[in-house]
C-alpha atoms as a PDB file:
ATOM      1  CA  MET A   1      11.325 -12.242 -12.803  1.00  0.00           C
ATOM      2  CA  PRO A   2       7.409 -12.276 -13.193  1.00  0.00           C
ATOM      3  CA  ARG A   3       5.800  -9.790 -11.739  1.00  0.00           C
ATOM      4  CA  PRO A   4       3.962 -10.748  -8.536  1.00  0.00           C
ATOM      5  CA  GLU A   5       0.200 -10.962  -8.286  1.00  0.00           C
ATOM      6  CA  ILE A   6      -1.192  -8.546  -5.497  1.00  0.00           C
ATOM      7  CA  SER A   7      -4.212  -9.875  -3.957  1.00  0.00           C
ATOM      8  CA  ASP A   8      -7.136  -7.183  -2.484  1.00  0.00           C
ATOM      9  CA  GLU A   9      -6.145  -9.080   1.286  1.00  0.00           C
ATOM     10  CA  VAL A  10      -2.424  -7.301   0.616  1.00  0.00           C
ATOM     11  CA  ILE A  11      -3.535  -3.952  -0.288  1.00  0.00           C
ATOM     12  CA  THR A  12      -6.692  -4.182   2.457  1.00  0.00           C
ATOM     13  CA  THR A  13      -3.053  -4.740   4.820  1.00  0.00           C
ATOM     14  CA  ILE A  14      -1.333  -2.112   3.267  1.00  0.00           C
ATOM     15  CA  LEU A  15      -3.840   0.402   3.123  1.00  0.00           C
ATOM     16  CA  GLU A  16      -4.741  -0.257   6.932  1.00  0.00           C
ATOM     17  CA  ARG A  17      -0.959   0.389   7.954  1.00  0.00           C
ATOM     18  CA  PHE A  18      -1.173   3.666   5.999  1.00  0.00           C
ATOM     19  CA  ARG A  19      -3.891   4.749   7.404  1.00  0.00           C
ATOM     20  CA  ALA A  20      -2.284   3.910  11.253  1.00  0.00           C
ATOM     21  CA  ASP A  21       0.582   5.763   9.775  1.00  0.00           C
ATOM     22  CA  LEU A  22      -1.861   8.280   8.654  1.00  0.00           C
ATOM     23  CA  ARG A  23      -2.822   8.553  12.000  1.00  0.00           C
ATOM     24  CA  TYR A  24       0.298   9.031  13.838  1.00  0.00           C
ATOM     25  CA  GLN A  25       1.887  11.771  11.461  1.00  0.00           C
ATOM     26  CA  ILE A  26      -1.239  13.772  11.946  1.00  0.00           C
ATOM     27  CA  ALA A  27      -1.373  13.708  15.771  1.00  0.00           C
ATOM     28  CA  LYS A  28       2.654  13.641  15.544  1.00  0.00           C
ATOM     29  CA  LYS A  29       2.585  17.353  13.614  1.00  0.00           C
ATOM     30  CA  GLY A  30      -1.122  18.459  13.636  1.00  0.00           C
ATOM     31  CA  ARG A  31      -3.598  19.801  10.589  1.00  0.00           C
ATOM     32  CA  THR A  32      -1.723  22.917   9.566  1.00  0.00           C
ATOM     33  CA  GLY A  33      -2.084  21.749   5.321  1.00  0.00           C
ATOM     34  CA  TRP A  34       0.641  23.085   2.585  1.00  0.00           C
ATOM     35  CA  VAL A  35       0.671  26.498   1.420  1.00  0.00           C
ATOM     36  CA  SER A  36       1.529  25.666  -2.195  1.00  0.00           C
ATOM     37  CA  SER A  37       2.026  24.288  -4.672  1.00  0.00           C
ATOM     38  CA  HIS A  38       6.174  24.577  -4.164  1.00  0.00           C
ATOM     39  CA  GLU A  39       5.720  23.649  -0.509  1.00  0.00           C
ATOM     40  CA  THR A  40       3.959  20.494  -1.745  1.00  0.00           C
ATOM     41  CA  ARG A  41       6.243  19.114  -3.988  1.00  0.00           C
ATOM     42  CA  GLY A  42       9.572  19.708  -1.031  1.00  0.00           C
ATOM     43  CA  GLY A  43       7.738  17.468   1.301  1.00  0.00           C
ATOM     44  CA  VAL A  44       7.182  14.460  -2.119  1.00  0.00           C
ATOM     45  CA  ASP A  45      10.364  15.564  -2.892  1.00  0.00           C
ATOM     46  CA  GLU A  46      12.400  14.797   0.431  1.00  0.00           C
ATOM     47  CA  GLU A  47      10.478  11.306   1.136  1.00  0.00           C
ATOM     48  CA  VAL A  48      11.786  10.466  -1.953  1.00  0.00           C
ATOM     49  CA  ASP A  49      15.333  11.338  -1.733  1.00  0.00           C
ATOM     50  CA  GLU A  50      15.270   9.054   1.465  1.00  0.00           C
ATOM     51  CA  PHE A  51      13.470   6.667  -0.329  1.00  0.00           C
ATOM     52  CA  HIS A  52      16.534   6.282  -3.371  1.00  0.00           C
ATOM     53  CA  ALA A  53      18.559   6.382  -0.289  1.00  0.00           C
ATOM     54  CA  ALA A  54      17.439   3.501   1.784  1.00  0.00           C
ATOM     55  CA  VAL A  55      17.260   1.224  -1.879  1.00  0.00           C
ATOM     56  CA  HIS A  56      20.739   2.776  -2.607  1.00  0.00           C
ATOM     57  CA  ALA A  57      21.742   0.885   0.710  1.00  0.00           C
ATOM     58  CA  ASN A  58      19.801  -1.899   0.379  1.00  0.00           C
ATOM     59  CA  ASN A  59      17.751  -1.097   3.636  1.00  0.00           C
ATOM     60  CA  HIS A  60      14.309  -3.742   2.923  1.00  0.00           C
ATOM     61  CA  ASP A  61      12.953  -1.408   6.330  1.00  0.00           C
ATOM     62  CA  GLU A  62      13.354   1.518   5.692  1.00  0.00           C
ATOM     63  CA  THR A  63      12.486   1.555   2.107  1.00  0.00           C
ATOM     64  CA  LYS A  64       9.141   0.662   3.129  1.00  0.00           C
ATOM     65  CA  ARG A  65       9.623   3.169   5.528  1.00  0.00           C
ATOM     66  CA  GLU A  66      10.208   5.387   3.547  1.00  0.00           C
ATOM     67  CA  LEU A  67       7.448   4.271   0.549  1.00  0.00           C
ATOM     68  CA  MET A  68       4.831   5.163   3.157  1.00  0.00           C
ATOM     69  CA  ASP A  69       5.697   8.649   3.747  1.00  0.00           C
ATOM     70  CA  ILE A  70       5.792   9.593   0.108  1.00  0.00           C
ATOM     71  CA  MET A  71       1.980   8.068   0.002  1.00  0.00           C
ATOM     72  CA  THR A  72       1.889  10.335   3.570  1.00  0.00           C
ATOM     73  CA  ALA A  73       2.863  13.032   1.666  1.00  0.00           C
ATOM     74  CA  ALA A  74       1.155  13.202  -1.748  1.00  0.00           C
ATOM     75  CA  LEU A  75      -1.908  12.339   0.598  1.00  0.00           C
ATOM     76  CA  TRP A  76      -1.496  15.450   2.629  1.00  0.00           C
ATOM     77  CA  GLY A  77      -0.218  17.777  -1.153  1.00  0.00           C
ATOM     78  CA  LEU A  78      -3.785  16.630  -2.310  1.00  0.00           C
ATOM     79  CA  ALA A  79      -5.452  17.213   1.359  1.00  0.00           C
ATOM     80  CA  SER A  80      -3.808  21.062   1.597  1.00  0.00           C
ATOM     81  CA  GLU A  81      -5.035  21.745  -1.947  1.00  0.00           C
ATOM     82  CA  GLU A  82      -8.298  20.501  -1.382  1.00  0.00           C
ATOM     83  CA  ALA A  83      -8.649  22.697   1.317  1.00  0.00           C
ATOM     84  CA  GLY A  84      -7.829  25.608  -0.627  1.00  0.00           C
ATOM     85  CA  GLY A  85      -4.266  25.979   1.115  1.00  0.00           C
ATOM     86  CA  TRP A  86      -2.158  26.017  -2.240  1.00  0.00           C
ATOM     87  CA  ASP A  87      -1.569  29.896  -3.456  1.00  0.00           C
ATOM     88  CA  TRP A  88       0.146  28.375  -6.860  1.00  0.00           C
END
């Protein structure tokens, strides 16, 4: 199966969805960051585990949601570290 070409339009659409989801998550959970690399790993690992479960269940909608959650967790981890919140 050939790999699909991903257009700029598709990337822009996904980024807009991500921004909306991130704004929702901030409104829901607040702006407190994670305090360690281990807490960040826990957040990312949890989302990856949920992604695996969605893939194994062949649930396309949930798989897409979990990929968005992985992106959010990764960004939050980076932002937490950048803000000086990690105590390794």
